[in-house]
Amino acid sequence: QVYDPGSLDWGRMPVNDQFNRQQFKTQKTGYQMNADGSLSAIIKKENIKVTPGEKKPKTKKNYIPTSQLLQSAKEQGKLSKKKKGKKK
């Protein structure tokens, strides 16, 4: 007997996952009337409300605290004094 493909699996999920996928994202469409009276198909844009601070990334604090700078300056001074005293 010869069967058409898919004739015996009514109501079952497809074996391959790719049959469920869509190649392109479905978008909301509509029609718009031009100045001359003809209709043209358009894609409707999604209205997303954005708060003013949402687009800006948070500012990073890329600085070294003054206490750490003073401490490193003291340590560098000590190291330079030790180096001057040593002879090769």
PDB file of N, CA and C in Angstrom:
ATOM      1  N   GLN A   1       0.826  -1.187   0.000  1.00  0.00           N
ATOM      2  CA  GLN A   1       0.000   0.000   0.000  1.00  0.00           C
ATOM      3  C   GLN A   1       0.870   1.251   0.000  1.00  0.00           C
ATOM      4  N   VAL A   2       0.389   2.287  -0.666  1.00  0.00           N
ATOM      5  CA  VAL A   2       1.110   3.550  -0.740  1.00  0.00           C
ATOM      6  C   VAL A   2       0.316   4.605   0.029  1.00  0.00           C
ATOM      7  N   TYR A   3       0.993   5.275   0.959  1.00  0.00           N
ATOM      8  CA  TYR A   3       0.351   6.320   1.761  1.00  0.00           C
ATOM      9  C   TYR A   3       0.992   7.667   1.447  1.00  0.00           C
ATOM     10  N   ASP A   4       0.193   8.694   1.508  1.00  0.00           N
ATOM     11  CA  ASP A   4       0.738  10.041   1.363  1.00  0.00           C
ATOM     12  C   ASP A   4       1.554  10.376   2.607  1.00  0.00           C
ATOM     13  N   PRO A   5       2.650  11.147   2.455  1.00  0.00           N
ATOM     14  CA  PRO A   5       3.428  11.504   3.636  1.00  0.00           C
ATOM     15  C   PRO A   5       2.585  12.334   4.598  1.00  0.00           C
ATOM     16  N   GLY A   6       2.622  11.966   5.864  1.00  0.00           N
ATOM     17  CA  GLY A   6       1.883  12.689   6.882  1.00  0.00           C
ATOM     18  C   GLY A   6       0.432  12.278   6.996  1.00  0.00           C
ATOM     19  N   SER A   7       0.006  11.243   6.285  1.00  0.00           N
ATOM     20  CA  SER A   7      -1.410  10.875   6.337  1.00  0.00           C
ATOM     21  C   SER A   7      -1.754  10.046   7.563  1.00  0.00           C
ATOM     22  N   LEU A   8      -0.755   9.442   8.193  1.00  0.00           N
ATOM     23  CA  LEU A   8      -1.029   8.560   9.325  1.00  0.00           C
ATOM     24  C   LEU A   8      -0.685   9.175  10.678  1.00  0.00           C
ATOM     25  N   ASP A   9      -0.157  10.389  10.689  1.00  0.00           N
ATOM     26  CA  ASP A   9       0.268  10.968  11.967  1.00  0.00           C
ATOM     27  C   ASP A   9      -0.533  12.220  12.317  1.00  0.00           C
ATOM     28  N   TRP A  10      -1.833  12.166  12.145  1.00  0.00           N
ATOM     29  CA  TRP A  10      -2.668  13.320  12.472  1.00  0.00           C
ATOM     30  C   TRP A  10      -2.646  13.574  13.975  1.00  0.00           C
ATOM     31  N   GLY A  11      -2.473  14.818  14.370  1.00  0.00           N
ATOM     32  CA  GLY A  11      -2.495  15.185  15.778  1.00  0.00           C
ATOM     33  C   GLY A  11      -1.203  14.921  16.514  1.00  0.00           C
ATOM     34  N   ARG A  12      -0.213  14.381  15.857  1.00  0.00           N
ATOM     35  CA  ARG A  12       1.079  14.133  16.516  1.00  0.00           C
ATOM     36  C   ARG A  12       2.025  15.295  16.256  1.00  0.00           C
ATOM     37  N   MET A  13       2.994  15.429  17.136  1.00  0.00           N
ATOM     38  CA  MET A  13       4.024  16.439  16.936  1.00  0.00           C
ATOM     39  C   MET A  13       4.985  15.952  15.862  1.00  0.00           C
ATOM     40  N   PRO A  14       5.560  16.840  15.053  1.00  0.00           N
ATOM     41  CA  PRO A  14       6.516  16.412  14.041  1.00  0.00           C
ATOM     42  C   PRO A  14       7.767  15.833  14.687  1.00  0.00           C
ATOM     43  N   VAL A  15       8.389  14.913  13.965  1.00  0.00           N
ATOM     44  CA  VAL A  15       9.578  14.241  14.483  1.00  0.00           C
ATOM     45  C   VAL A  15      10.727  15.235  14.587  1.00  0.00           C
ATOM     46  N   ASN A  16      10.910  16.035  13.571  1.00  0.00           N
ATOM     47  CA  ASN A  16      12.005  16.990  13.553  1.00  0.00           C
ATOM     48  C   ASN A  16      11.525  18.319  14.135  1.00  0.00           C
ATOM     49  N   ASP A  17      12.321  18.906  14.999  1.00  0.00           N
ATOM     50  CA  ASP A  17      11.971  20.162  15.663  1.00  0.00           C
ATOM     51  C   ASP A  17      11.878  21.314  14.669  1.00  0.00           C
ATOM     52  N   GLN A  18      12.587  21.223  13.551  1.00  0.00           N
ATOM     53  CA  GLN A  18      12.647  22.340  12.614  1.00  0.00           C
ATOM     54  C   GLN A  18      11.315  22.608  11.931  1.00  0.00           C
ATOM     55  N   PHE A  19      10.411  21.648  11.903  1.00  0.00           N
ATOM     56  CA  PHE A  19       9.119  21.877  11.272  1.00  0.00           C
ATOM     57  C   PHE A  19       8.294  22.883  12.061  1.00  0.00           C
ATOM     58  N   ASN A  20       8.545  23.002  13.355  1.00  0.00           N
ATOM     59  CA  ASN A  20       7.801  23.948  14.190  1.00  0.00           C
ATOM     60  C   ASN A  20       8.347  25.362  14.089  1.00  0.00           C
ATOM     61  N   ARG A  21       9.568  25.524  13.628  1.00  0.00           N
ATOM     62  CA  ARG A  21      10.209  26.835  13.608  1.00  0.00           C
ATOM     63  C   ARG A  21       9.698  27.679  12.445  1.00  0.00           C
ATOM     64  N   GLN A  22       9.777  28.991  12.620  1.00  0.00           N
ATOM     65  CA  GLN A  22       9.425  29.908  11.545  1.00  0.00           C
ATOM     66  C   GLN A  22      10.695  30.577  11.064  1.00  0.00           C
ATOM     67  N   GLN A  23      10.806  30.730   9.748  1.00  0.00           N
ATOM     68  CA  GLN A  23      12.017  31.319   9.204  1.00  0.00           C
ATOM     69  C   GLN A  23      12.117  32.804   9.540  1.00  0.00           C
ATOM     70  N   PHE A  24      10.990  33.501   9.483  1.00  0.00           N
ATOM     71  CA  PHE A  24      10.974  34.923   9.767  1.00  0.00           C
ATOM     72  C   PHE A  24      10.011  35.206  10.912  1.00  0.00           C
ATOM     73  N   LYS A  25      10.293  36.249  11.662  1.00  0.00           N
ATOM     74  CA  LYS A  25       9.431  36.653  12.766  1.00  0.00           C
ATOM     75  C   LYS A  25       8.138  37.235  12.193  1.00  0.00           C
ATOM     76  N   THR A  26       7.007  36.800  12.720  1.00  0.00           N
ATOM     77  CA  THR A  26       5.738  37.352  12.251  1.00  0.00           C
ATOM     78  C   THR A  26       5.550  38.737  12.859  1.00  0.00           C
ATOM     79  N   GLN A  27       5.143  39.674  12.027  1.00  0.00           N
ATOM     80  CA  GLN A  27       4.985  41.050  12.468  1.00  0.00           C
ATOM     81  C   GLN A  27       3.561  41.520  12.211  1.00  0.00           C
ATOM     82  N   LYS A  28       3.129  42.492  12.983  1.00  0.00           N
ATOM     83  CA  LYS A  28       1.798  43.057  12.796  1.00  0.00           C
ATOM     84  C   LYS A  28       1.819  43.943  11.550  1.00  0.00           C
ATOM     85  N   THR A  29       0.826  43.752  10.698  1.00  0.00           N
ATOM     86  CA  THR A  29       0.763  44.522   9.462  1.00  0.00           C
ATOM     87  C   THR A  29      -0.543  45.292   9.398  1.00  0.00           C
ATOM     88  N   GLY A  30      -0.580  46.248   8.520  1.00  0.00           N
ATOM     89  CA  GLY A  30      -1.782  47.036   8.315  1.00  0.00           C
ATOM     90  C   GLY A  30      -1.732  47.681   6.948  1.00  0.00           C
ATOM     91  N   TYR A  31      -2.713  48.503   6.650  1.00  0.00           N
ATOM     92  CA  TYR A  31      -2.776  49.183   5.363  1.00  0.00           C
ATOM     93  C   TYR A  31      -2.834  50.680   5.587  1.00  0.00           C
ATOM     94  N   GLN A  32      -2.240  51.410   4.640  1.00  0.00           N
ATOM     95  CA  GLN A  32      -2.216  52.859   4.726  1.00  0.00           C
ATOM     96  C   GLN A  32      -2.639  53.404   3.366  1.00  0.00           C
ATOM     97  N   MET A  33      -3.454  54.430   3.377  1.00  0.00           N
ATOM     98  CA  MET A  33      -3.905  55.018   2.119  1.00  0.00           C
ATOM     99  C   MET A  33      -2.969  56.156   1.738  1.00  0.00           C
ATOM    100  N   ASN A  34      -2.470  56.103   0.517  1.00  0.00           N
ATOM    101  CA  ASN A  34      -1.570  57.140   0.020  1.00  0.00           C
ATOM    102  C   ASN A  34      -2.365  58.375  -0.393  1.00  0.00           C
ATOM    103  N   ALA A  35      -1.639  59.408  -0.819  1.00  0.00           N
ATOM    104  CA  ALA A  35      -2.283  60.654  -1.237  1.00  0.00           C
ATOM    105  C   ALA A  35      -3.149  60.453  -2.475  1.00  0.00           C
ATOM    106  N   ASP A  36      -2.751  59.524  -3.360  1.00  0.00           N
ATOM    107  CA  ASP A  36      -3.532  59.295  -4.581  1.00  0.00           C
ATOM    108  C   ASP A  36      -4.696  58.332  -4.356  1.00  0.00           C
ATOM    109  N   GLY A  37      -4.864  57.817  -3.139  1.00  0.00           N
ATOM    110  CA  GLY A  37      -6.007  56.960  -2.813  1.00  0.00           C
ATOM    111  C   GLY A  37      -5.741  55.474  -2.901  1.00  0.00           C
ATOM    112  N   SER A  38      -4.504  55.072  -3.246  1.00  0.00           N
ATOM    113  CA  SER A  38      -4.200  53.640  -3.324  1.00  0.00           C
ATOM    114  C   SER A  38      -3.741  53.130  -1.961  1.00  0.00           C
ATOM    115  N   LEU A  39      -4.022  51.871  -1.694  1.00  0.00           N
ATOM    116  CA  LEU A  39      -3.632  51.264  -0.425  1.00  0.00           C
ATOM    117  C   LEU A  39      -2.249  50.649  -0.540  1.00  0.00           C
ATOM    118  N   SER A  40      -1.473  50.756   0.513  1.00  0.00           N
ATOM    119  CA  SER A  40      -0.171  50.096   0.558  1.00  0.00           C
ATOM    120  C   SER A  40      -0.032  49.403   1.906  1.00  0.00           C
ATOM    121  N   ALA A  41       0.590  48.232   1.882  1.00  0.00           N
ATOM    122  CA  ALA A  41       0.776  47.459   3.112  1.00  0.00           C
ATOM    123  C   ALA A  41       1.936  48.039   3.904  1.00  0.00           C
ATOM    124  N   ILE A  42       1.782  48.107   5.228  1.00  0.00           N
ATOM    125  CA  ILE A  42       2.838  48.617   6.103  1.00  0.00           C
ATOM    126  C   ILE A  42       3.010  47.663   7.278  1.00  0.00           C
ATOM    127  N   ILE A  43       4.176  47.731   7.889  1.00  0.00           N
ATOM    128  CA  ILE A  43       4.447  46.970   9.110  1.00  0.00           C
ATOM    129  C   ILE A  43       4.273  47.926  10.281  1.00  0.00           C
ATOM    130  N   LYS A  44       3.453  47.535  11.239  1.00  0.00           N
ATOM    131  CA  LYS A  44       3.197  48.388  12.395  1.00  0.00           C
ATOM    132  C   LYS A  44       4.368  48.311  13.362  1.00  0.00           C
ATOM    133  N   LYS A  45       4.782  49.454  13.869  1.00  0.00           N
ATOM    134  CA  LYS A  45       5.878  49.512  14.831  1.00  0.00           C
ATOM    135  C   LYS A  45       5.333  49.309  16.231  1.00  0.00           C
ATOM    136  N   GLU A  46       6.124  48.637  17.060  1.00  0.00           N
ATOM    137  CA  GLU A  46       5.729  48.448  18.454  1.00  0.00           C
ATOM    138  C   GLU A  46       6.081  49.702  19.238  1.00  0.00           C
ATOM    139  N   ASN A  47       5.130  50.207  19.993  1.00  0.00           N
ATOM    140  CA  ASN A  47       5.366  51.385  20.821  1.00  0.00           C
ATOM    141  C   ASN A  47       5.910  50.938  22.166  1.00  0.00           C
ATOM    142  N   ILE A  48       7.170  51.243  22.401  1.00  0.00           N
ATOM    143  CA  ILE A  48       7.813  50.876  23.659  1.00  0.00           C
ATOM    144  C   ILE A  48       8.111  52.161  24.423  1.00  0.00           C
ATOM    145  N   LYS A  49       7.585  52.264  25.631  1.00  0.00           N
ATOM    146  CA  LYS A  49       7.832  53.442  26.450  1.00  0.00           C
ATOM    147  C   LYS A  49       9.182  53.285  27.141  1.00  0.00           C
ATOM    148  N   VAL A  50      10.044  54.274  26.947  1.00  0.00           N
ATOM    149  CA  VAL A  50      11.380  54.239  27.526  1.00  0.00           C
ATOM    150  C   VAL A  50      11.502  55.382  28.520  1.00  0.00           C
ATOM    151  N   THR A  51      11.937  55.065  29.715  1.00  0.00           N
ATOM    152  CA  THR A  51      12.171  56.114  30.705  1.00  0.00           C
ATOM    153  C   THR A  51      13.479  56.827  30.364  1.00  0.00           C
ATOM    154  N   PRO A  52      13.646  58.091  30.737  1.00  0.00           N
ATOM    155  CA  PRO A  52      14.837  58.848  30.335  1.00  0.00           C
ATOM    156  C   PRO A  52      16.161  58.217  30.765  1.00  0.00           C
ATOM    157  N   GLY A  53      16.226  57.641  31.937  1.00  0.00           N
ATOM    158  CA  GLY A  53      17.491  57.080  32.409  1.00  0.00           C
ATOM    159  C   GLY A  53      17.751  55.664  31.939  1.00  0.00           C
ATOM    160  N   GLU A  54      16.833  55.101  31.190  1.00  0.00           N
ATOM    161  CA  GLU A  54      16.961  53.697  30.807  1.00  0.00           C
ATOM    162  C   GLU A  54      18.006  53.484  29.715  1.00  0.00           C
ATOM    163  N   LYS A  55      18.134  54.452  28.799  1.00  0.00           N
ATOM    164  CA  LYS A  55      19.062  54.292  27.686  1.00  0.00           C
ATOM    165  C   LYS A  55      20.509  54.521  28.104  1.00  0.00           C
ATOM    166  N   LYS A  56      20.712  55.369  29.104  1.00  0.00           N
ATOM    167  CA  LYS A  56      22.076  55.683  29.517  1.00  0.00           C
ATOM    168  C   LYS A  56      22.670  54.531  30.317  1.00  0.00           C
ATOM    169  N   PRO A  57      23.892  54.126  30.001  1.00  0.00           N
ATOM    170  CA  PRO A  57      24.541  53.129  30.855  1.00  0.00           C
ATOM    171  C   PRO A  57      25.010  53.788  32.150  1.00  0.00           C
ATOM    172  N   LYS A  58      25.122  52.999  33.181  1.00  0.00           N
ATOM    173  CA  LYS A  58      25.567  53.544  34.458  1.00  0.00           C
ATOM    174  C   LYS A  58      27.030  53.961  34.345  1.00  0.00           C
ATOM    175  N   THR A  59      27.343  55.130  34.886  1.00  0.00           N
ATOM    176  CA  THR A  59      28.715  55.620  34.808  1.00  0.00           C
ATOM    177  C   THR A  59      29.579  54.853  35.798  1.00  0.00           C
ATOM    178  N   LYS A  60      30.714  54.400  35.306  1.00  0.00           N
ATOM    179  CA  LYS A  60      31.638  53.665  36.163  1.00  0.00           C
ATOM    180  C   LYS A  60      32.564  54.654  36.855  1.00  0.00           C
ATOM    181  N   LYS A  61      32.936  54.331  38.070  1.00  0.00           N
ATOM    182  CA  LYS A  61      33.857  55.170  38.821  1.00  0.00           C
ATOM    183  C   LYS A  61      35.255  54.595  38.632  1.00  0.00           C
ATOM    184  N   ASN A  62      35.942  55.094  37.606  1.00  0.00           N
ATOM    185  CA  ASN A  62      37.294  54.629  37.317  1.00  0.00           C
ATOM    186  C   ASN A  62      38.305  55.598  37.928  1.00  0.00           C
ATOM    187  N   TYR A  63      38.368  55.618  39.213  1.00  0.00           N
ATOM    188  CA  TYR A  63      39.356  56.454  39.865  1.00  0.00           C
ATOM    189  C   TYR A  63      39.921  55.703  41.060  1.00  0.00           C
ATOM    190  N   ILE A  64      41.126  56.108  41.448  1.00  0.00           N
ATOM    191  CA  ILE A  64      41.786  55.513  42.608  1.00  0.00           C
ATOM    192  C   ILE A  64      41.568  56.470  43.775  1.00  0.00           C
ATOM    193  N   PRO A  65      41.123  55.965  44.906  1.00  0.00           N
ATOM    194  CA  PRO A  65      40.910  56.844  46.064  1.00  0.00           C
ATOM    195  C   PRO A  65      42.209  57.533  46.477  1.00  0.00           C
ATOM    196  N   THR A  66      42.096  58.753  46.994  1.00  0.00           N
ATOM    197  CA  THR A  66      43.282  59.527  47.375  1.00  0.00           C
ATOM    198  C   THR A  66      44.074  58.840  48.479  1.00  0.00           C
ATOM    199  N   SER A  67      43.398  58.155  49.378  1.00  0.00           N
ATOM    200  CA  SER A  67      44.119  57.464  50.453  1.00  0.00           C
ATOM    201  C   SER A  67      45.043  56.391  49.876  1.00  0.00           C
ATOM    202  N   GLN A  68      44.567  55.711  48.845  1.00  0.00           N
ATOM    203  CA  GLN A  68      45.396  54.671  48.230  1.00  0.00           C
ATOM    204  C   GLN A  68      46.560  55.301  47.463  1.00  0.00           C
ATOM    205  N   LEU A  69      46.330  56.447  46.823  1.00  0.00           N
ATOM    206  CA  LEU A  69      47.409  57.140  46.113  1.00  0.00           C
ATOM    207  C   LEU A  69      48.497  57.600  47.080  1.00  0.00           C
ATOM    208  N   LEU A  70      48.084  58.158  48.233  1.00  0.00           N
ATOM    209  CA  LEU A  70      49.065  58.617  49.225  1.00  0.00           C
ATOM    210  C   LEU A  70      49.874  57.453  49.775  1.00  0.00           C
ATOM    211  N   GLN A  71      49.205  56.331  50.021  1.00  0.00           N
ATOM    212  CA  GLN A  71      49.891  55.161  50.559  1.00  0.00           C
ATOM    213  C   GLN A  71      50.905  54.618  49.549  1.00  0.00           C
ATOM    214  N   SER A  72      50.517  54.546  48.279  1.00  0.00           N
ATOM    215  CA  SER A  72      51.443  54.031  47.266  1.00  0.00           C
ATOM    216  C   SER A  72      52.620  54.985  47.070  1.00  0.00           C
ATOM    217  N   ALA A  73      52.390  56.312  47.206  1.00  0.00           N
ATOM    218  CA  ALA A  73      53.479  57.281  47.080  1.00  0.00           C
ATOM    219  C   ALA A  73      54.490  57.095  48.209  1.00  0.00           C
ATOM    220  N   LYS A  74      53.996  56.848  49.440  1.00  0.00           N
ATOM    221  CA  LYS A  74      54.896  56.606  50.573  1.00  0.00           C
ATOM    222  C   LYS A  74      55.734  55.353  50.335  1.00  0.00           C
ATOM    223  N   GLU A  75      55.083  54.284  49.884  1.00  0.00           N
ATOM    224  CA  GLU A  75      55.789  53.021  49.651  1.00  0.00           C
ATOM    225  C   GLU A  75      56.835  53.171  48.550  1.00  0.00           C
ATOM    226  N   GLN A  76      56.501  53.921  47.492  1.00  0.00           N
ATOM    227  CA  GLN A  76      57.465  54.128  46.411  1.00  0.00           C
ATOM    228  C   GLN A  76      58.663  54.937  46.901  1.00  0.00           C
ATOM    229  N   GLY A  77      58.399  55.889  47.789  1.00  0.00           N
ATOM    230  CA  GLY A  77      59.496  56.669  48.361  1.00  0.00           C
ATOM    231  C   GLY A  77      60.427  55.783  49.178  1.00  0.00           C
ATOM    232  N   LYS A  78      59.851  54.868  49.963  1.00  0.00           N
ATOM    233  CA  LYS A  78      60.663  53.942  50.757  1.00  0.00           C
ATOM    234  C   LYS A  78      61.502  53.040  49.860  1.00  0.00           C
ATOM    235  N   LEU A  79      60.895  52.549  48.777  1.00  0.00           N
ATOM    236  CA  LEU A  79      61.619  51.664  47.863  1.00  0.00           C
ATOM    237  C   LEU A  79      62.773  52.393  47.188  1.00  0.00           C
ATOM    238  N   SER A  80      62.549  53.643  46.787  1.00  0.00           N
ATOM    239  CA  SER A  80      63.614  54.391  46.115  1.00  0.00           C
ATOM    240  C   SER A  80      64.781  54.644  47.074  1.00  0.00           C
ATOM    241  N   LYS A  81      64.476  54.892  48.368  1.00  0.00           N
ATOM    242  CA  LYS A  81      65.535  55.091  49.357  1.00  0.00           C
ATOM    243  C   LYS A  81      66.334  53.809  49.550  1.00  0.00           C
ATOM    244  N   LYS A  82      65.654  52.660  49.583  1.00  0.00           N
ATOM    245  CA  LYS A  82      66.341  51.379  49.751  1.00  0.00           C
ATOM    246  C   LYS A  82      67.227  51.068  48.556  1.00  0.00           C
ATOM    247  N   LYS A  83      66.754  51.405  47.351  1.00  0.00           N
ATOM    248  CA  LYS A  83      67.523  51.118  46.138  1.00  0.00           C
ATOM    249  C   LYS A  83      68.786  51.963  46.081  1.00  0.00           C
ATOM    250  N   LYS A  84      68.678  53.222  46.535  1.00  0.00           N
ATOM    251  CA  LYS A  84      69.833  54.114  46.489  1.00  0.00           C
ATOM    252  C   LYS A  84      70.939  53.615  47.414  1.00  0.00           C
ATOM    253  N   GLY A  85      70.575  53.003  48.503  1.00  0.00           N
ATOM    254  CA  GLY A  85      71.558  52.528  49.471  1.00  0.00           C
ATOM    255  C   GLY A  85      72.283  51.271  49.003  1.00  0.00           C
ATOM    256  N   LYS A  86      71.657  50.476  48.150  1.00  0.00           N
ATOM    257  CA  LYS A  86      72.273  49.225  47.696  1.00  0.00           C
ATOM    258  C   LYS A  86      73.304  49.503  46.610  1.00  0.00           C
ATOM    259  N   LYS A  87      74.384  48.707  46.623  1.00  0.00           N
ATOM    260  CA  LYS A  87      75.396  48.793  45.573  1.00  0.00           C
ATOM    261  C   LYS A  87      75.419  47.478  44.827  1.00  0.00           C
ATOM    262  N   LYS A  88      75.709  47.546  43.550  1.00  0.00           N
ATOM    263  CA  LYS A  88      75.749  46.336  42.732  1.00  0.00           C
ATOM    264  C   LYS A  88      77.025  45.582  42.896  1.00  0.00           C
TER     265      LYS A  88
END
